[in-house]
Amino acid sequence: MKIEIEVVERDNGSKDYTVTNNGKFADRLTFDEMLGLIASLTMPESRRCIQWLKTQDEWDQREQRLQGIRERNADKETAFG
């Protein structure tokens, strides 16, 4: 995959972006549009970052699991300390 990003400066001093990938292009993009397109193009099929979104109940369960690990580790330190 070869992605090219071209920064185009306009006469009025503004900038826009052209992204080219495999013979296709999108031009006159704003900075955030360009970043979104690049992120979409480079993102793997399995987007693990989506797992970071959790309900409050899921966050609470995660915190309980982590607290259990902390307590077990503290018990081990006390036993071997």
PDB file of N, CA and C in Angstrom:
ATOM      1  N   MET A   1       0.853  -1.169   0.000  1.00  0.00           N
ATOM      2  CA  MET A   1       0.000   0.000   0.000  1.00  0.00           C
ATOM      3  C   MET A   1       0.899   1.231   0.000  1.00  0.00           C
ATOM      4  N   LYS A   2       0.657   2.089  -0.947  1.00  0.00           N
ATOM      5  CA  LYS A   2       1.394   3.347  -0.999  1.00  0.00           C
ATOM      6  C   LYS A   2       0.385   4.483  -0.963  1.00  0.00           C
ATOM      7  N   ILE A   3       0.385   5.207   0.134  1.00  0.00           N
ATOM      8  CA  ILE A   3      -0.518   6.336   0.296  1.00  0.00           C
ATOM      9  C   ILE A   3       0.295   7.608   0.147  1.00  0.00           C
ATOM     10  N   GLU A   4      -0.171   8.501  -0.692  1.00  0.00           N
ATOM     11  CA  GLU A   4       0.491   9.789  -0.865  1.00  0.00           C
ATOM     12  C   GLU A   4      -0.418  10.895  -0.352  1.00  0.00           C
ATOM     13  N   ILE A   5       0.187  11.851   0.340  1.00  0.00           N
ATOM     14  CA  ILE A   5      -0.543  13.017   0.837  1.00  0.00           C
ATOM     15  C   ILE A   5       0.109  14.248   0.229  1.00  0.00           C
ATOM     16  N   GLU A   6      -0.683  15.037  -0.446  1.00  0.00           N
ATOM     17  CA  GLU A   6      -0.186  16.276  -1.050  1.00  0.00           C
ATOM     18  C   GLU A   6      -0.844  17.453  -0.336  1.00  0.00           C
ATOM     19  N   VAL A   7      -0.013  18.390   0.085  1.00  0.00           N
ATOM     20  CA  VAL A   7      -0.520  19.618   0.697  1.00  0.00           C
ATOM     21  C   VAL A   7      -0.595  20.664  -0.404  1.00  0.00           C
ATOM     22  N   VAL A   8      -1.783  21.225  -0.609  1.00  0.00           N
ATOM     23  CA  VAL A   8      -2.000  22.211  -1.663  1.00  0.00           C
ATOM     24  C   VAL A   8      -2.225  23.569  -1.006  1.00  0.00           C
ATOM     25  N   GLU A   9      -1.344  24.524  -1.328  1.00  0.00           N
ATOM     26  CA  GLU A   9      -1.519  25.884  -0.813  1.00  0.00           C
ATOM     27  C   GLU A   9      -2.266  26.700  -1.848  1.00  0.00           C
ATOM     28  N   ARG A  10      -3.317  27.326  -1.418  1.00  0.00           N
ATOM     29  CA  ARG A  10      -4.146  28.158  -2.298  1.00  0.00           C
ATOM     30  C   ARG A  10      -3.630  29.590  -2.300  1.00  0.00           C
ATOM     31  N   ASP A  11      -4.051  30.356  -3.302  1.00  0.00           N
ATOM     32  CA  ASP A  11      -3.628  31.755  -3.427  1.00  0.00           C
ATOM     33  C   ASP A  11      -4.010  32.589  -2.207  1.00  0.00           C
ATOM     34  N   ASN A  12      -5.105  32.247  -1.573  1.00  0.00           N
ATOM     35  CA  ASN A  12      -5.556  33.022  -0.414  1.00  0.00           C
ATOM     36  C   ASN A  12      -4.855  32.605   0.879  1.00  0.00           C
ATOM     37  N   GLY A  13      -3.873  31.706   0.787  1.00  0.00           N
ATOM     38  CA  GLY A  13      -3.111  31.277   1.952  1.00  0.00           C
ATOM     39  C   GLY A  13      -3.650  30.045   2.644  1.00  0.00           C
ATOM     40  N   SER A  14      -4.831  29.592   2.245  1.00  0.00           N
ATOM     41  CA  SER A  14      -5.391  28.394   2.876  1.00  0.00           C
ATOM     42  C   SER A  14      -4.714  27.144   2.311  1.00  0.00           C
ATOM     43  N   LYS A  15      -4.834  26.064   3.036  1.00  0.00           N
ATOM     44  CA  LYS A  15      -4.261  24.787   2.601  1.00  0.00           C
ATOM     45  C   LYS A  15      -5.370  23.749   2.548  1.00  0.00           C
ATOM     46  N   ASP A  16      -5.259  22.856   1.582  1.00  0.00           N
ATOM     47  CA  ASP A  16      -6.086  21.664   1.607  1.00  0.00           C
ATOM     48  C   ASP A  16      -5.215  20.488   1.224  1.00  0.00           C
ATOM     49  N   TYR A  17      -5.792  19.309   1.254  1.00  0.00           N
ATOM     50  CA  TYR A  17      -5.006  18.092   1.117  1.00  0.00           C
ATOM     51  C   TYR A  17      -5.616  17.177   0.070  1.00  0.00           C
ATOM     52  N   THR A  18      -4.730  16.473  -0.647  1.00  0.00           N
ATOM     53  CA  THR A  18      -5.130  15.444  -1.587  1.00  0.00           C
ATOM     54  C   THR A  18      -4.497  14.143  -1.125  1.00  0.00           C
ATOM     55  N   VAL A  19      -5.305  13.101  -0.997  1.00  0.00           N
ATOM     56  CA  VAL A  19      -4.817  11.781  -0.608  1.00  0.00           C
ATOM     57  C   VAL A  19      -5.001  10.863  -1.799  1.00  0.00           C
ATOM     58  N   THR A  20      -3.930  10.149  -2.168  1.00  0.00           N
ATOM     59  CA  THR A  20      -3.961   9.220  -3.290  1.00  0.00           C
ATOM     60  C   THR A  20      -3.582   7.831  -2.788  1.00  0.00           C
ATOM     61  N   ASN A  21      -4.346   6.826  -3.232  1.00  0.00           N
ATOM     62  CA  ASN A  21      -4.083   5.442  -2.847  1.00  0.00           C
ATOM     63  C   ASN A  21      -4.558   4.529  -3.968  1.00  0.00           C
ATOM     64  N   ASN A  22      -3.642   3.744  -4.536  1.00  0.00           N
ATOM     65  CA  ASN A  22      -3.978   2.765  -5.581  1.00  0.00           C
ATOM     66  C   ASN A  22      -4.755   3.374  -6.742  1.00  0.00           C
ATOM     67  N   GLY A  23      -4.335   4.527  -7.222  1.00  0.00           N
ATOM     68  CA  GLY A  23      -4.964   5.147  -8.377  1.00  0.00           C
ATOM     69  C   GLY A  23      -6.238   5.915  -8.080  1.00  0.00           C
ATOM     70  N   LYS A  24      -6.702   5.883  -6.856  1.00  0.00           N
ATOM     71  CA  LYS A  24      -7.885   6.646  -6.458  1.00  0.00           C
ATOM     72  C   LYS A  24      -7.428   7.837  -5.632  1.00  0.00           C
ATOM     73  N   PHE A  25      -8.200   8.910  -5.666  1.00  0.00           N
ATOM     74  CA  PHE A  25      -7.806  10.073  -4.879  1.00  0.00           C
ATOM     75  C   PHE A  25      -9.022  10.813  -4.350  1.00  0.00           C
ATOM     76  N   ALA A  26      -8.783  11.556  -3.289  1.00  0.00           N
ATOM     77  CA  ALA A  26      -9.763  12.491  -2.735  1.00  0.00           C
ATOM     78  C   ALA A  26      -9.028  13.815  -2.596  1.00  0.00           C
ATOM     79  N   ASP A  27      -9.592  14.859  -3.162  1.00  0.00           N
ATOM     80  CA  ASP A  27      -8.900  16.147  -3.105  1.00  0.00           C
ATOM     81  C   ASP A  27      -9.749  17.188  -2.386  1.00  0.00           C
ATOM     82  N   ARG A  28      -9.153  18.315  -2.145  1.00  0.00           N
ATOM     83  CA  ARG A  28      -9.767  19.443  -1.438  1.00  0.00           C
ATOM     84  C   ARG A  28     -10.275  19.046  -0.048  1.00  0.00           C
ATOM     85  N   LEU A  29      -9.498  18.197   0.627  1.00  0.00           N
ATOM     86  CA  LEU A  29      -9.861  17.757   1.972  1.00  0.00           C
ATOM     87  C   LEU A  29      -9.357  18.751   3.011  1.00  0.00           C
ATOM     88  N   THR A  30     -10.102  18.908   4.089  1.00  0.00           N
ATOM     89  CA  THR A  30      -9.598  19.666   5.228  1.00  0.00           C
ATOM     90  C   THR A  30      -8.627  18.768   5.994  1.00  0.00           C
ATOM     91  N   PHE A  31      -7.920  19.359   6.946  1.00  0.00           N
ATOM     92  CA  PHE A  31      -6.936  18.605   7.713  1.00  0.00           C
ATOM     93  C   PHE A  31      -7.570  17.403   8.410  1.00  0.00           C
ATOM     94  N   ASP A  32      -8.695  17.616   9.097  1.00  0.00           N
ATOM     95  CA  ASP A  32      -9.302  16.501   9.823  1.00  0.00           C
ATOM     96  C   ASP A  32      -9.918  15.465   8.886  1.00  0.00           C
ATOM     97  N   GLU A  33     -10.398  15.874   7.728  1.00  0.00           N
ATOM     98  CA  GLU A  33     -10.886  14.900   6.742  1.00  0.00           C
ATOM     99  C   GLU A  33      -9.733  14.035   6.245  1.00  0.00           C
ATOM    100  N   MET A  34      -8.581  14.676   5.996  1.00  0.00           N
ATOM    101  CA  MET A  34      -7.401  13.942   5.546  1.00  0.00           C
ATOM    102  C   MET A  34      -6.965  12.935   6.605  1.00  0.00           C
ATOM    103  N   LEU A  35      -6.929  13.357   7.871  1.00  0.00           N
ATOM    104  CA  LEU A  35      -6.532  12.439   8.941  1.00  0.00           C
ATOM    105  C   LEU A  35      -7.499  11.265   9.057  1.00  0.00           C
ATOM    106  N   GLY A  36      -8.795  11.534   8.954  1.00  0.00           N
ATOM    107  CA  GLY A  36      -9.785  10.469   9.027  1.00  0.00           C
ATOM    108  C   GLY A  36      -9.630   9.465   7.899  1.00  0.00           C
ATOM    109  N   LEU A  37      -9.367   9.965   6.705  1.00  0.00           N
ATOM    110  CA  LEU A  37      -9.183   9.076   5.555  1.00  0.00           C
ATOM    111  C   LEU A  37      -7.931   8.225   5.724  1.00  0.00           C
ATOM    112  N   ILE A  38      -6.829   8.840   6.153  1.00  0.00           N
ATOM    113  CA  ILE A  38      -5.587   8.089   6.371  1.00  0.00           C
ATOM    114  C   ILE A  38      -5.805   7.029   7.454  1.00  0.00           C
ATOM    115  N   ALA A  39      -6.485   7.395   8.532  1.00  0.00           N
ATOM    116  CA  ALA A  39      -6.762   6.421   9.596  1.00  0.00           C
ATOM    117  C   ALA A  39      -7.587   5.257   9.053  1.00  0.00           C
ATOM    118  N   SER A  40      -8.589   5.550   8.240  1.00  0.00           N
ATOM    119  CA  SER A  40      -9.434   4.494   7.672  1.00  0.00           C
ATOM    120  C   SER A  40      -8.642   3.579   6.751  1.00  0.00           C
ATOM    121  N   LEU A  41      -7.756   4.162   5.963  1.00  0.00           N
ATOM    122  CA  LEU A  41      -6.969   3.367   5.020  1.00  0.00           C
ATOM    123  C   LEU A  41      -5.950   2.474   5.723  1.00  0.00           C
ATOM    124  N   THR A  42      -5.421   2.921   6.828  1.00  0.00           N
ATOM    125  CA  THR A  42      -4.351   2.176   7.494  1.00  0.00           C
ATOM    126  C   THR A  42      -4.849   1.294   8.632  1.00  0.00           C
ATOM    127  N   MET A  43      -6.128   1.355   8.938  1.00  0.00           N
ATOM    128  CA  MET A  43      -6.696   0.584  10.034  1.00  0.00           C
ATOM    129  C   MET A  43      -6.820  -0.883   9.626  1.00  0.00           C
ATOM    130  N   PRO A  44      -6.426  -1.806  10.510  1.00  0.00           N
ATOM    131  CA  PRO A  44      -6.569  -3.226  10.173  1.00  0.00           C
ATOM    132  C   PRO A  44      -8.038  -3.633  10.132  1.00  0.00           C
ATOM    133  N   GLU A  45      -8.307  -4.763   9.486  1.00  0.00           N
ATOM    134  CA  GLU A  45      -9.681  -5.266   9.411  1.00  0.00           C
ATOM    135  C   GLU A  45     -10.246  -5.484  10.810  1.00  0.00           C
ATOM    136  N   SER A  46      -9.431  -6.079  11.668  1.00  0.00           N
ATOM    137  CA  SER A  46      -9.839  -6.298  13.054  1.00  0.00           C
ATOM    138  C   SER A  46      -9.404  -5.076  13.857  1.00  0.00           C
ATOM    139  N   ARG A  47     -10.341  -4.204  14.144  1.00  0.00           N
ATOM    140  CA  ARG A  47     -10.014  -2.953  14.828  1.00  0.00           C
ATOM    141  C   ARG A  47     -10.172  -3.145  16.328  1.00  0.00           C
ATOM    142  N   ARG A  48      -9.089  -3.535  16.971  1.00  0.00           N
ATOM    143  CA  ARG A  48      -9.123  -3.837  18.395  1.00  0.00           C
ATOM    144  C   ARG A  48      -9.451  -2.619  19.236  1.00  0.00           C
ATOM    145  N   CYS A  49      -9.206  -1.421  18.723  1.00  0.00           N
ATOM    146  CA  CYS A  49      -9.466  -0.219  19.517  1.00  0.00           C
ATOM    147  C   CYS A  49     -10.947  -0.076  19.860  1.00  0.00           C
ATOM    148  N   ILE A  50     -11.821  -0.701  19.089  1.00  0.00           N
ATOM    149  CA  ILE A  50     -13.253  -0.600  19.363  1.00  0.00           C
ATOM    150  C   ILE A  50     -13.600  -1.278  20.688  1.00  0.00           C
ATOM    151  N   GLN A  51     -12.778  -2.242  21.107  1.00  0.00           N
ATOM    152  CA  GLN A  51     -13.038  -2.914  22.379  1.00  0.00           C
ATOM    153  C   GLN A  51     -12.875  -1.968  23.564  1.00  0.00           C
ATOM    154  N   TRP A  52     -12.269  -0.811  23.366  1.00  0.00           N
ATOM    155  CA  TRP A  52     -12.105   0.157  24.457  1.00  0.00           C
ATOM    156  C   TRP A  52     -13.431   0.799  24.846  1.00  0.00           C
ATOM    157  N   LEU A  53     -14.421   0.738  23.979  1.00  0.00           N
ATOM    158  CA  LEU A  53     -15.738   1.279  24.302  1.00  0.00           C
ATOM    159  C   LEU A  53     -16.492   0.258  25.145  1.00  0.00           C
ATOM    160  N   LYS A  54     -16.879   0.663  26.346  1.00  0.00           N
ATOM    161  CA  LYS A  54     -17.567  -0.246  27.254  1.00  0.00           C
ATOM    162  C   LYS A  54     -18.727   0.488  27.922  1.00  0.00           C
ATOM    163  N   THR A  55     -19.715  -0.281  28.363  1.00  0.00           N
ATOM    164  CA  THR A  55     -20.798   0.295  29.163  1.00  0.00           C
ATOM    165  C   THR A  55     -20.267   0.540  30.577  1.00  0.00           C
ATOM    166  N   GLN A  56     -20.999   1.292  31.370  1.00  0.00           N
ATOM    167  CA  GLN A  56     -20.580   1.529  32.755  1.00  0.00           C
ATOM    168  C   GLN A  56     -20.471   0.217  33.515  1.00  0.00           C
ATOM    169  N   ASP A  57     -21.397  -0.721  33.268  1.00  0.00           N
ATOM    170  CA  ASP A  57     -21.352  -2.026  33.928  1.00  0.00           C
ATOM    171  C   ASP A  57     -20.079  -2.786  33.552  1.00  0.00           C
ATOM    172  N   GLU A  58     -19.700  -2.747  32.274  1.00  0.00           N
ATOM    173  CA  GLU A  58     -18.470  -3.417  31.836  1.00  0.00           C
ATOM    174  C   GLU A  58     -17.240  -2.781  32.475  1.00  0.00           C
ATOM    175  N   TRP A  59     -17.228  -1.440  32.584  1.00  0.00           N
ATOM    176  CA  TRP A  59     -16.102  -0.762  33.251  1.00  0.00           C
ATOM    177  C   TRP A  59     -16.038  -1.167  34.719  1.00  0.00           C
ATOM    178  N   ASP A  60     -17.187  -1.257  35.382  1.00  0.00           N
ATOM    179  CA  ASP A  60     -17.220  -1.655  36.791  1.00  0.00           C
ATOM    180  C   ASP A  60     -16.692  -3.084  36.964  1.00  0.00           C
ATOM    181  N   GLN A  61     -17.096  -3.998  36.076  1.00  0.00           N
ATOM    182  CA  GLN A  61     -16.614  -5.378  36.137  1.00  0.00           C
ATOM    183  C   GLN A  61     -15.103  -5.432  35.935  1.00  0.00           C
ATOM    184  N   ARG A  62     -14.611  -4.637  35.000  1.00  0.00           N
ATOM    185  CA  ARG A  62     -13.164  -4.583  34.746  1.00  0.00           C
ATOM    186  C   ARG A  62     -12.430  -4.094  35.988  1.00  0.00           C
ATOM    187  N   GLU A  63     -12.954  -3.051  36.605  1.00  0.00           N
ATOM    188  CA  GLU A  63     -12.316  -2.507  37.806  1.00  0.00           C
ATOM    189  C   GLU A  63     -12.313  -3.531  38.935  1.00  0.00           C
ATOM    190  N   GLN A  64     -13.394  -4.305  39.065  1.00  0.00           N
ATOM    191  CA  GLN A  64     -13.446  -5.354  40.092  1.00  0.00           C
ATOM    192  C   GLN A  64     -12.387  -6.428  39.834  1.00  0.00           C
ATOM    193  N   ARG A  65     -12.226  -6.824  38.563  1.00  0.00           N
ATOM    194  CA  ARG A  65     -11.189  -7.812  38.220  1.00  0.00           C
ATOM    195  C   ARG A  65      -9.805  -7.275  38.562  1.00  0.00           C
ATOM    196  N   LEU A  66      -9.545  -6.013  38.190  1.00  0.00           N
ATOM    197  CA  LEU A  66      -8.241  -5.412  38.478  1.00  0.00           C
ATOM    198  C   LEU A  66      -8.003  -5.293  39.982  1.00  0.00           C
ATOM    199  N   GLN A  67      -9.043  -4.942  40.727  1.00  0.00           N
ATOM    200  CA  GLN A  67      -8.909  -4.839  42.180  1.00  0.00           C
ATOM    201  C   GLN A  67      -8.573  -6.200  42.778  1.00  0.00           C
ATOM    202  N   GLY A  68      -9.189  -7.262  42.269  1.00  0.00           N
ATOM    203  CA  GLY A  68      -8.873  -8.611  42.733  1.00  0.00           C
ATOM    204  C   GLY A  68      -7.417  -8.962  42.474  1.00  0.00           C
ATOM    205  N   ILE A  69      -6.908  -8.587  41.316  1.00  0.00           N
ATOM    206  CA  ILE A  69      -5.499  -8.836  40.982  1.00  0.00           C
ATOM    207  C   ILE A  69      -4.597  -8.055  41.933  1.00  0.00           C
ATOM    208  N   ARG A  70      -4.942  -6.792  42.174  1.00  0.00           N
ATOM    209  CA  ARG A  70      -4.138  -5.971  43.095  1.00  0.00           C
ATOM    210  C   ARG A  70      -4.095  -6.602  44.488  1.00  0.00           C
ATOM    211  N   GLU A  71      -5.239  -7.069  44.949  1.00  0.00           N
ATOM    212  CA  GLU A  71      -5.306  -7.670  46.284  1.00  0.00           C
ATOM    213  C   GLU A  71      -4.492  -8.957  46.352  1.00  0.00           C
ATOM    214  N   ARG A  72      -4.571  -9.799  45.329  1.00  0.00           N
ATOM    215  CA  ARG A  72      -3.774 -11.036  45.306  1.00  0.00           C
ATOM    216  C   ARG A  72      -2.288 -10.718  45.291  1.00  0.00           C
ATOM    217  N   ASN A  73      -1.891  -9.707  44.507  1.00  0.00           N
ATOM    218  CA  ASN A  73      -0.480  -9.324  44.459  1.00  0.00           C
ATOM    219  C   ASN A  73      -0.017  -8.764  45.800  1.00  0.00           C
ATOM    220  N   ALA A  74      -0.867  -7.993  46.459  1.00  0.00           N
ATOM    221  CA  ALA A  74      -0.517  -7.449  47.773  1.00  0.00           C
ATOM    222  C   ALA A  74      -0.359  -8.586  48.782  1.00  0.00           C
ATOM    223  N   ASP A  75      -1.228  -9.605  48.706  1.00  0.00           N
ATOM    224  CA  ASP A  75      -1.129 -10.759  49.605  1.00  0.00           C
ATOM    225  C   ASP A  75       0.179 -11.509  49.376  1.00  0.00           C
ATOM    226  N   LYS A  76       0.592 -11.660  48.125  1.00  0.00           N
ATOM    227  CA  LYS A  76       1.849 -12.346  47.808  1.00  0.00           C
ATOM    228  C   LYS A  76       3.029 -11.562  48.352  1.00  0.00           C
ATOM    229  N   GLU A  77       3.003 -10.244  48.211  1.00  0.00           N
ATOM    230  CA  GLU A  77       4.099  -9.418  48.718  1.00  0.00           C
ATOM    231  C   GLU A  77       4.193  -9.534  50.231  1.00  0.00           C
ATOM    232  N   THR A  78       3.060  -9.595  50.892  1.00  0.00           N
ATOM    233  CA  THR A  78       3.042  -9.727  52.348  1.00  0.00           C
ATOM    234  C   THR A  78       3.592 -11.090  52.761  1.00  0.00           C
ATOM    235  N   ALA A  79       3.225 -12.133  52.023  1.00  0.00           N
ATOM    236  CA  ALA A  79       3.658 -13.489  52.353  1.00  0.00           C
ATOM    237  C   ALA A  79       5.157 -13.668  52.130  1.00  0.00           C
ATOM    238  N   PHE A  80       5.698 -13.032  51.088  1.00  0.00           N
ATOM    239  CA  PHE A  80       7.105 -13.208  50.757  1.00  0.00           C
ATOM    240  C   PHE A  80       7.970 -12.057  51.259  1.00  0.00           C
ATOM    241  N   GLY A  81       7.354 -11.013  51.763  1.00  0.00           N
ATOM    242  CA  GLY A  81       8.068  -9.801  52.156  1.00  0.00           C
ATOM    243  C   GLY A  81       8.768  -9.976  53.418  1.00  0.00           C
TER     244      GLY A  81
END
